[in-house]
Structures are given as C-alpha cells and as structure tokens.
C-alpha cells in the first residue's frame, strides 16, 4: 500500500516487459518494413532504404525503454534493462 500512496507502480516481471518491448518493436517494423520495400527502396535502392530505416528503429528502441522508465515500470539497473532487451529480441 505504501507504493501506491507514493505514486509508484509495482515493478512488472522482466519477461512481461520484454514481451511488451518486443511487441512494440515488432509493430514498428511491421509498419516501416512495407513502406521501405514499396516506397523508399524503388526510389533510392534497397541498401540506402535499410540505412534510412535503421535509425528510426533504433530511436523506437530508446524511446520505448524511456517510456517504460517514465511510467515506473522498470528501474535504472543495467542488468534489468539488458534482460528486457534480450527477452524482447
């Protein structure tokens, strides 16, 4: 009850957060992949299209972890973040 009174949420299991992280990245790739293949690749070539998509996916990775941290779903321990990333991969 003390955690609820202070506004902090209880910590979710690492595997649950890893699945949430992985599904977020999968959804982003599901949207960006066809756009890359059907729109960008014919214009600039497949290798350059992948080069444009990679920074966007990296930004989604960073923003997803920052979002989870802001909601107090995870703490700042690197081991926990690494476990979430490996589970989501």
PDB file of N, CA and C in Angstrom:
ATOM      1  N   UNK A   1       0.813  -1.182   0.000  1.00  0.00           N
ATOM      2  CA  UNK A   1       0.000   0.000   0.000  1.00  0.00           C
ATOM      3  C   UNK A   1       0.863   1.255   0.000  1.00  0.00           C
ATOM      4  N   UNK A   2       2.059   1.166   0.559  1.00  0.00           N
ATOM      5  CA  UNK A   2       2.941   2.338   0.592  1.00  0.00           C
ATOM      6  C   UNK A   2       3.378   2.738  -0.806  1.00  0.00           C
ATOM      7  N   UNK A   3       3.582   1.745  -1.682  1.00  0.00           N
ATOM      8  CA  UNK A   3       3.983   2.067  -3.050  1.00  0.00           C
ATOM      9  C   UNK A   3       2.874   2.810  -3.784  1.00  0.00           C
ATOM     10  N   UNK A   4       1.643   2.417  -3.537  1.00  0.00           N
ATOM     11  CA  UNK A   4       0.526   3.070  -4.194  1.00  0.00           C
ATOM     12  C   UNK A   4       0.348   4.495  -3.665  1.00  0.00           C
ATOM     13  N   UNK A   5       0.561   4.695  -2.375  1.00  0.00           N
ATOM     14  CA  UNK A   5       0.396   6.024  -1.782  1.00  0.00           C
ATOM     15  C   UNK A   5       1.435   7.006  -2.313  1.00  0.00           C
ATOM     16  N   UNK A   6       2.637   6.518  -2.616  1.00  0.00           N
ATOM     17  CA  UNK A   6       3.686   7.404  -3.107  1.00  0.00           C
ATOM     18  C   UNK A   6       3.595   7.642  -4.611  1.00  0.00           C
ATOM     19  N   UNK A   7       2.686   6.967  -5.296  1.00  0.00           N
ATOM     20  CA  UNK A   7       2.527   7.162  -6.724  1.00  0.00           C
ATOM     21  C   UNK A   7       3.360   6.203  -7.566  1.00  0.00           C
ATOM     22  N   UNK A   8       4.158   5.346  -6.943  1.00  0.00           N
ATOM     23  CA  UNK A   8       4.962   4.383  -7.686  1.00  0.00           C
ATOM     24  C   UNK A   8       4.141   3.141  -7.968  1.00  0.00           C
ATOM     25  N   UNK A   9       4.337   2.595  -9.137  1.00  0.00           N
ATOM     26  CA  UNK A   9       3.659   1.366  -9.500  1.00  0.00           C
ATOM     27  C   UNK A   9       4.552   0.193  -9.145  1.00  0.00           C
ATOM     28  N   UNK A  10       3.963  -0.943  -8.824  1.00  0.00           N
ATOM     29  CA  UNK A  10       4.801  -2.107  -8.558  1.00  0.00           C
ATOM     30  C   UNK A  10       5.525  -2.542  -9.818  1.00  0.00           C
ATOM     31  N   UNK A  11       6.702  -3.088  -9.649  1.00  0.00           N
ATOM     32  CA  UNK A  11       7.521  -3.496 -10.780  1.00  0.00           C
ATOM     33  C   UNK A  11       6.923  -4.729 -11.455  1.00  0.00           C
ATOM     34  N   UNK A  12       6.843  -4.697 -12.771  1.00  0.00           N
ATOM     35  CA  UNK A  12       6.332  -5.821 -13.536  1.00  0.00           C
ATOM     36  C   UNK A  12       7.440  -6.862 -13.691  1.00  0.00           C
ATOM     37  N   UNK A  13       7.070  -8.115 -13.949  1.00  0.00           N
ATOM     38  CA  UNK A  13       8.100  -9.133 -14.196  1.00  0.00           C
ATOM     39  C   UNK A  13       8.907  -8.783 -15.452  1.00  0.00           C
ATOM     40  N   UNK A  14      10.159  -9.151 -15.432  1.00  0.00           N
ATOM     41  CA  UNK A  14      11.058  -8.817 -16.536  1.00  0.00           C
ATOM     42  C   UNK A  14      10.572  -9.408 -17.852  1.00  0.00           C
ATOM     43  N   UNK A  15      10.100 -10.634 -17.843  1.00  0.00           N
ATOM     44  CA  UNK A  15       9.667 -11.259 -19.092  1.00  0.00           C
ATOM     45  C   UNK A  15       8.458 -10.537 -19.681  1.00  0.00           C
ATOM     46  N   UNK A  16       7.571 -10.031 -18.833  1.00  0.00           N
ATOM     47  CA  UNK A  16       6.405  -9.297 -19.328  1.00  0.00           C
ATOM     48  C   UNK A  16       6.831  -8.016 -20.019  1.00  0.00           C
ATOM     49  N   UNK A  17       7.753  -7.304 -19.414  1.00  0.00           N
ATOM     50  CA  UNK A  17       8.259  -6.075 -20.015  1.00  0.00           C
ATOM     51  C   UNK A  17       9.034  -6.372 -21.300  1.00  0.00           C
ATOM     52  N   UNK A  18       9.753  -7.484 -21.322  1.00  0.00           N
ATOM     53  CA  UNK A  18      10.462  -7.881 -22.537  1.00  0.00           C
ATOM     54  C   UNK A  18       9.505  -8.163 -23.683  1.00  0.00           C
ATOM     55  N   UNK A  19       8.390  -8.826 -23.381  1.00  0.00           N
ATOM     56  CA  UNK A  19       7.392  -9.096 -24.414  1.00  0.00           C
ATOM     57  C   UNK A  19       6.762  -7.788 -24.887  1.00  0.00           C
ATOM     58  N   UNK A  20       6.457  -6.875 -23.971  1.00  0.00           N
ATOM     59  CA  UNK A  20       5.904  -5.573 -24.347  1.00  0.00           C
ATOM     60  C   UNK A  20       6.885  -4.804 -25.227  1.00  0.00           C
ATOM     61  N   UNK A  21       8.156  -4.842 -24.852  1.00  0.00           N
ATOM     62  CA  UNK A  21       9.206  -4.182 -25.634  1.00  0.00           C
ATOM     63  C   UNK A  21       9.301  -4.796 -27.036  1.00  0.00           C
ATOM     64  N   UNK A  22       9.317  -6.115 -27.100  1.00  0.00           N
ATOM     65  CA  UNK A  22       9.415  -6.800 -28.387  1.00  0.00           C
ATOM     66  C   UNK A  22       8.211  -6.542 -29.280  1.00  0.00           C
ATOM     67  N   UNK A  23       7.013  -6.532 -28.695  1.00  0.00           N
ATOM     68  CA  UNK A  23       5.813  -6.271 -29.492  1.00  0.00           C
ATOM     69  C   UNK A  23       5.782  -4.840 -30.014  1.00  0.00           C
ATOM     70  N   UNK A  24       6.298  -3.902 -29.227  1.00  0.00           N
ATOM     71  CA  UNK A  24       6.369  -2.514 -29.691  1.00  0.00           C
ATOM     72  C   UNK A  24       7.289  -2.403 -30.902  1.00  0.00           C
ATOM     73  N   UNK A  25       8.442  -3.051 -30.829  1.00  0.00           N
ATOM     74  CA  UNK A  25       9.377  -3.007 -31.953  1.00  0.00           C
ATOM     75  C   UNK A  25       8.843  -3.781 -33.154  1.00  0.00           C
ATOM     76  N   UNK A  26       8.154  -4.877 -32.906  1.00  0.00           N
ATOM     77  CA  UNK A  26       7.561  -5.641 -34.000  1.00  0.00           C
ATOM     78  C   UNK A  26       6.510  -4.810 -34.728  1.00  0.00           C
ATOM     79  N   UNK A  27       5.685  -4.097 -33.977  1.00  0.00           N
ATOM     80  CA  UNK A  27       4.659  -3.251 -34.595  1.00  0.00           C
ATOM     81  C   UNK A  27       5.292  -2.148 -35.439  1.00  0.00           C
ATOM     82  N   UNK A  28       6.361  -1.555 -34.931  1.00  0.00           N
ATOM     83  CA  UNK A  28       7.051  -0.508 -35.690  1.00  0.00           C
ATOM     84  C   UNK A  28       7.662  -1.090 -36.963  1.00  0.00           C
ATOM     85  N   UNK A  29       8.299  -2.225 -36.867  1.00  0.00           N
ATOM     86  CA  UNK A  29       8.869  -2.872 -38.042  1.00  0.00           C
ATOM     87  C   UNK A  29       7.810  -3.325 -39.027  1.00  0.00           C
ATOM     88  N   UNK A  30       6.652  -3.717 -38.513  1.00  0.00           N
ATOM     89  CA  UNK A  30       5.549  -4.141 -39.368  1.00  0.00           C
ATOM     90  C   UNK A  30       5.037  -2.975 -40.207  1.00  0.00           C
ATOM     91  N   UNK A  31       5.117  -1.779 -39.663  1.00  0.00           N
ATOM     92  CA  UNK A  31       4.696  -0.585 -40.397  1.00  0.00           C
ATOM     93  C   UNK A  31       5.813  -0.086 -41.321  1.00  0.00           C
ATOM     94  N   UNK A  32       7.030   0.007 -40.793  1.00  0.00           N
ATOM     95  CA  UNK A  32       8.134   0.566 -41.571  1.00  0.00           C
ATOM     96  C   UNK A  32       8.638  -0.365 -42.674  1.00  0.00           C
ATOM     97  N   UNK A  33       8.584  -1.660 -42.461  1.00  0.00           N
ATOM     98  CA  UNK A  33       9.102  -2.614 -43.445  1.00  0.00           C
ATOM     99  C   UNK A  33       8.433  -2.505 -44.810  1.00  0.00           C
ATOM    100  N   UNK A  34       7.111  -2.619 -44.871  1.00  0.00           N
ATOM    101  CA  UNK A  34       6.460  -2.475 -46.177  1.00  0.00           C
ATOM    102  C   UNK A  34       6.652  -1.092 -46.807  1.00  0.00           C
ATOM    103  N   UNK A  35       6.675  -0.050 -45.975  1.00  0.00           N
ATOM    104  CA  UNK A  35       6.930   1.284 -46.522  1.00  0.00           C
ATOM    105  C   UNK A  35       8.321   1.356 -47.152  1.00  0.00           C
ATOM    106  N   UNK A  36       9.274   0.734 -46.483  1.00  0.00           N
ATOM    107  CA  UNK A  36      10.640   0.723 -47.009  1.00  0.00           C
ATOM    108  C   UNK A  36      10.704  -0.009 -48.347  1.00  0.00           C
ATOM    109  N   UNK A  37      10.067  -1.180 -48.409  1.00  0.00           N
ATOM    110  CA  UNK A  37      10.145  -2.008 -49.616  1.00  0.00           C
ATOM    111  C   UNK A  37       9.353  -1.412 -50.778  1.00  0.00           C
ATOM    112  N   UNK A  38       8.160  -0.910 -50.493  1.00  0.00           N
ATOM    113  CA  UNK A  38       7.279  -0.469 -51.585  1.00  0.00           C
ATOM    114  C   UNK A  38       7.461   0.988 -51.983  1.00  0.00           C
ATOM    115  N   UNK A  39       7.937   1.827 -51.062  1.00  0.00           N
ATOM    116  CA  UNK A  39       8.014   3.249 -51.372  1.00  0.00           C
ATOM    117  C   UNK A  39       9.463   3.732 -51.482  1.00  0.00           C
ATOM    118  N   UNK A  40      10.253   3.467 -50.464  1.00  0.00           N
ATOM    119  CA  UNK A  40      11.589   4.058 -50.403  1.00  0.00           C
ATOM    120  C   UNK A  40      12.597   3.303 -51.269  1.00  0.00           C
ATOM    121  N   UNK A  41      12.591   1.978 -51.225  1.00  0.00           N
ATOM    122  CA  UNK A  41      13.584   1.194 -51.971  1.00  0.00           C
ATOM    123  C   UNK A  41      13.538   1.435 -53.478  1.00  0.00           C
ATOM    124  N   UNK A  42      12.373   1.539 -54.095  1.00  0.00           N
ATOM    125  CA  UNK A  42      12.391   1.827 -55.538  1.00  0.00           C
ATOM    126  C   UNK A  42      12.975   3.194 -55.881  1.00  0.00           C
ATOM    127  N   UNK A  43      12.902   4.112 -54.954  1.00  0.00           N
ATOM    128  CA  UNK A  43      13.407   5.463 -55.220  1.00  0.00           C
ATOM    129  C   UNK A  43      14.917   5.587 -55.027  1.00  0.00           C
ATOM    130  N   UNK A  44      15.437   4.989 -53.951  1.00  0.00           N
ATOM    131  CA  UNK A  44      16.856   5.196 -53.617  1.00  0.00           C
ATOM    132  C   UNK A  44      17.666   3.915 -53.558  1.00  0.00           C
ATOM    133  N   UNK A  45      17.027   2.773 -53.728  1.00  0.00           N
ATOM    134  CA  UNK A  45      17.736   1.500 -53.678  1.00  0.00           C
ATOM    135  C   UNK A  45      17.546   0.815 -52.338  1.00  0.00           C
ATOM    136  N   UNK A  46      17.678  -0.509 -52.330  1.00  0.00           N
ATOM    137  CA  UNK A  46      17.395  -1.263 -51.109  1.00  0.00           C
ATOM    138  C   UNK A  46      18.379  -1.011 -49.964  1.00  0.00           C
ATOM    139  N   UNK A  47      19.655  -0.878 -50.273  1.00  0.00           N
ATOM    140  CA  UNK A  47      20.636  -0.670 -49.204  1.00  0.00           C
ATOM    141  C   UNK A  47      20.454   0.691 -48.538  1.00  0.00           C
ATOM    142  N   UNK A  48      20.240   1.715 -49.330  1.00  0.00           N
ATOM    143  CA  UNK A  48      20.010   3.044 -48.753  1.00  0.00           C
ATOM    144  C   UNK A  48      18.693   3.081 -47.983  1.00  0.00           C
ATOM    145  N   UNK A  49      17.693   2.330 -48.429  1.00  0.00           N
ATOM    146  CA  UNK A  49      16.420   2.291 -47.709  1.00  0.00           C
ATOM    147  C   UNK A  49      16.588   1.660 -46.333  1.00  0.00           C
ATOM    148  N   UNK A  50      17.377   0.602 -46.254  1.00  0.00           N
ATOM    149  CA  UNK A  50      17.659  -0.009 -44.953  1.00  0.00           C
ATOM    150  C   UNK A  50      18.441   0.975 -44.080  1.00  0.00           C
ATOM    151  N   UNK A  51      19.344   1.718 -44.689  1.00  0.00           N
ATOM    152  CA  UNK A  51      20.097   2.725 -43.948  1.00  0.00           C
ATOM    153  C   UNK A  51      19.224   3.830 -43.385  1.00  0.00           C
ATOM    154  N   UNK A  52      18.126   4.123 -44.056  1.00  0.00           N
ATOM    155  CA  UNK A  52      17.181   5.112 -43.534  1.00  0.00           C
ATOM    156  C   UNK A  52      16.277   4.531 -42.453  1.00  0.00           C
ATOM    157  N   UNK A  53      15.964   3.253 -42.555  1.00  0.00           N
ATOM    158  CA  UNK A  53      15.066   2.623 -41.593  1.00  0.00           C
ATOM    159  C   UNK A  53      15.756   2.325 -40.259  1.00  0.00           C
ATOM    160  N   UNK A  54      17.022   1.974 -40.290  1.00  0.00           N
ATOM    161  CA  UNK A  54      17.730   1.574 -39.075  1.00  0.00           C
ATOM    162  C   UNK A  54      17.732   2.639 -37.981  1.00  0.00           C
ATOM    163  N   UNK A  55      18.005   3.915 -38.278  1.00  0.00           N
ATOM    164  CA  UNK A  55      17.951   4.915 -37.207  1.00  0.00           C
ATOM    165  C   UNK A  55      16.552   5.091 -36.617  1.00  0.00           C
ATOM    166  N   UNK A  56      15.524   4.904 -37.431  1.00  0.00           N
ATOM    167  CA  UNK A  56      14.162   5.014 -36.906  1.00  0.00           C
ATOM    168  C   UNK A  56      13.860   3.893 -35.911  1.00  0.00           C
ATOM    169  N   UNK A  57      14.264   2.682 -36.248  1.00  0.00           N
ATOM    170  CA  UNK A  57      14.050   1.566 -35.329  1.00  0.00           C
ATOM    171  C   UNK A  57      14.876   1.731 -34.058  1.00  0.00           C
ATOM    172  N   UNK A  58      16.087   2.248 -34.187  1.00  0.00           N
ATOM    173  CA  UNK A  58      16.915   2.499 -33.005  1.00  0.00           C
ATOM    174  C   UNK A  58      16.258   3.541 -32.107  1.00  0.00           C
ATOM    175  N   UNK A  59      15.693   4.570 -32.701  1.00  0.00           N
ATOM    176  CA  UNK A  59      15.001   5.597 -31.913  1.00  0.00           C
ATOM    177  C   UNK A  59      13.790   5.006 -31.196  1.00  0.00           C
ATOM    178  N   UNK A  60      13.073   4.111 -31.850  1.00  0.00           N
ATOM    179  CA  UNK A  60      11.926   3.463 -31.204  1.00  0.00           C
ATOM    180  C   UNK A  60      12.393   2.619 -30.026  1.00  0.00           C
ATOM    181  N   UNK A  61      13.519   1.941 -30.171  1.00  0.00           N
ATOM    182  CA  UNK A  61      14.057   1.151 -29.060  1.00  0.00           C
ATOM    183  C   UNK A  61      14.331   2.029 -27.847  1.00  0.00           C
ATOM    184  N   UNK A  62      15.013   3.137 -28.076  1.00  0.00           N
ATOM    185  CA  UNK A  62      15.378   4.032 -26.980  1.00  0.00           C
ATOM    186  C   UNK A  62      14.135   4.663 -26.365  1.00  0.00           C
ATOM    187  N   UNK A  63      13.213   5.108 -27.191  1.00  0.00           N
ATOM    188  CA  UNK A  63      12.003   5.754 -26.686  1.00  0.00           C
ATOM    189  C   UNK A  63      11.104   4.784 -25.924  1.00  0.00           C
ATOM    190  N   UNK A  64      11.077   3.527 -26.333  1.00  0.00           N
ATOM    191  CA  UNK A  64      10.266   2.535 -25.629  1.00  0.00           C
ATOM    192  C   UNK A  64      10.795   2.301 -24.225  1.00  0.00           C
ATOM    193  N   UNK A  65      12.095   2.160 -24.084  1.00  0.00           N
ATOM    194  CA  UNK A  65      12.673   1.968 -22.758  1.00  0.00           C
ATOM    195  C   UNK A  65      12.480   3.220 -21.905  1.00  0.00           C
ATOM    196  N   UNK A  66      12.636   4.397 -22.496  1.00  0.00           N
ATOM    197  CA  UNK A  66      12.417   5.641 -21.743  1.00  0.00           C
ATOM    198  C   UNK A  66      10.960   5.748 -21.293  1.00  0.00           C
ATOM    199  N   UNK A  67      10.031   5.333 -22.145  1.00  0.00           N
ATOM    200  CA  UNK A  67       8.612   5.350 -21.794  1.00  0.00           C
ATOM    201  C   UNK A  67       8.338   4.403 -20.630  1.00  0.00           C
ATOM    202  N   UNK A  68       8.916   3.199 -20.684  1.00  0.00           N
ATOM    203  CA  UNK A  68       8.725   2.244 -19.592  1.00  0.00           C
ATOM    204  C   UNK A  68       9.303   2.778 -18.286  1.00  0.00           C
ATOM    205  N   UNK A  69      10.449   3.443 -18.378  1.00  0.00           N
ATOM    206  CA  UNK A  69      11.070   4.002 -17.184  1.00  0.00           C
ATOM    207  C   UNK A  69      10.244   5.158 -16.613  1.00  0.00           C
ATOM    208  N   UNK A  70       9.707   5.998 -17.490  1.00  0.00           N
ATOM    209  CA  UNK A  70       8.908   7.143 -17.046  1.00  0.00           C
ATOM    210  C   UNK A  70       7.632   6.681 -16.338  1.00  0.00           C
ATOM    211  N   UNK A  71       7.074   5.567 -16.762  1.00  0.00           N
ATOM    212  CA  UNK A  71       5.885   5.018 -16.113  1.00  0.00           C
ATOM    213  C   UNK A  71       6.225   4.206 -14.863  1.00  0.00           C
ATOM    214  N   UNK A  72       7.500   4.200 -14.489  1.00  0.00           N
ATOM    215  CA  UNK A  72       7.988   3.451 -13.325  1.00  0.00           C
ATOM    216  C   UNK A  72       7.754   1.956 -13.465  1.00  0.00           C
ATOM    217  N   UNK A  73       7.799   1.456 -14.690  1.00  0.00           N
ATOM    218  CA  UNK A  73       7.671   0.018 -14.905  1.00  0.00           C
ATOM    219  C   UNK A  73       8.999  -0.690 -14.669  1.00  0.00           C
ATOM    220  N   UNK A  74      10.105   0.013 -14.908  1.00  0.00           N
ATOM    221  CA  UNK A  74      11.427  -0.568 -14.684  1.00  0.00           C
ATOM    222  C   UNK A  74      12.273   0.424 -13.912  1.00  0.00           C
ATOM    223  N   UNK A  75      13.351  -0.068 -13.370  1.00  0.00           N
ATOM    224  CA  UNK A  75      14.292   0.819 -12.701  1.00  0.00           C
ATOM    225  C   UNK A  75      15.490   1.047 -13.620  1.00  0.00           C
ATOM    226  N   UNK A  76      16.487   1.727 -13.133  1.00  0.00           N
ATOM    227  CA  UNK A  76      17.621   2.108 -13.973  1.00  0.00           C
ATOM    228  C   UNK A  76      18.764   1.089 -13.972  1.00  0.00           C
ATOM    229  N   UNK A  77      18.569  -0.051 -13.369  1.00  0.00           N
ATOM    230  CA  UNK A  77      19.642  -1.043 -13.332  1.00  0.00           C
ATOM    231  C   UNK A  77      19.932  -1.588 -14.726  1.00  0.00           C
ATOM    232  N   UNK A  78      21.194  -1.554 -15.157  1.00  0.00           N
ATOM    233  CA  UNK A  78      21.533  -2.049 -16.498  1.00  0.00           C
ATOM    234  C   UNK A  78      21.223  -3.529 -16.689  1.00  0.00           C
ATOM    235  N   UNK A  79      21.330  -4.317 -15.641  1.00  0.00           N
ATOM    236  CA  UNK A  79      21.069  -5.753 -15.766  1.00  0.00           C
ATOM    237  C   UNK A  79      19.600  -5.980 -16.112  1.00  0.00           C
ATOM    238  N   UNK A  80      18.735  -5.243 -15.478  1.00  0.00           N
ATOM    239  CA  UNK A  80      17.296  -5.395 -15.753  1.00  0.00           C
ATOM    240  C   UNK A  80      16.973  -4.957 -17.191  1.00  0.00           C
ATOM    241  N   UNK A  81      17.561  -3.856 -17.624  1.00  0.00           N
ATOM    242  CA  UNK A  81      17.330  -3.389 -18.991  1.00  0.00           C
ATOM    243  C   UNK A  81      17.859  -4.379 -20.019  1.00  0.00           C
ATOM    244  N   UNK A  82      19.020  -4.955 -19.737  1.00  0.00           N
ATOM    245  CA  UNK A  82      19.584  -5.936 -20.657  1.00  0.00           C
ATOM    246  C   UNK A  82      18.695  -7.173 -20.743  1.00  0.00           C
ATOM    247  N   UNK A  83      18.162  -7.591 -19.610  1.00  0.00           N
ATOM    248  CA  UNK A  83      17.260  -8.760 -19.598  1.00  0.00           C
ATOM    249  C   UNK A  83      15.989  -8.464 -20.388  1.00  0.00           C
ATOM    250  N   UNK A  84      15.461  -7.259 -20.272  1.00  0.00           N
ATOM    251  CA  UNK A  84      14.276  -6.884 -21.029  1.00  0.00           C
ATOM    252  C   UNK A  84      14.592  -6.887 -22.525  1.00  0.00           C
ATOM    253  N   UNK A  85      15.745  -6.325 -22.902  1.00  0.00           N
ATOM    254  CA  UNK A  85      16.142  -6.288 -24.306  1.00  0.00           C
ATOM    255  C   UNK A  85      16.353  -7.677 -24.884  1.00  0.00           C
ATOM    256  N   UNK A  86      16.977  -8.564 -24.107  1.00  0.00           N
ATOM    257  CA  UNK A  86      17.201  -9.921 -24.596  1.00  0.00           C
ATOM    258  C   UNK A  86      15.902 -10.711 -24.688  1.00  0.00           C
ATOM    259  N   UNK A  87      14.986 -10.469 -23.766  1.00  0.00           N
ATOM    260  CA  UNK A  87      13.691 -11.143 -23.829  1.00  0.00           C
ATOM    261  C   UNK A  87      12.891 -10.638 -25.018  1.00  0.00           C
ATOM    262  N   UNK A  88      12.955  -9.328 -25.263  1.00  0.00           N
ATOM    263  CA  UNK A  88      12.207  -8.749 -26.374  1.00  0.00           C
ATOM    264  C   UNK A  88      12.788  -9.098 -27.731  1.00  0.00           C
ATOM    265  N   UNK A  89      14.056  -9.467 -27.769  1.00  0.00           N
ATOM    266  CA  UNK A  89      14.687  -9.824 -29.039  1.00  0.00           C
ATOM    267  C   UNK A  89      14.306 -11.219 -29.384  1.00  0.00           C
TER     268      UNK A  89
END
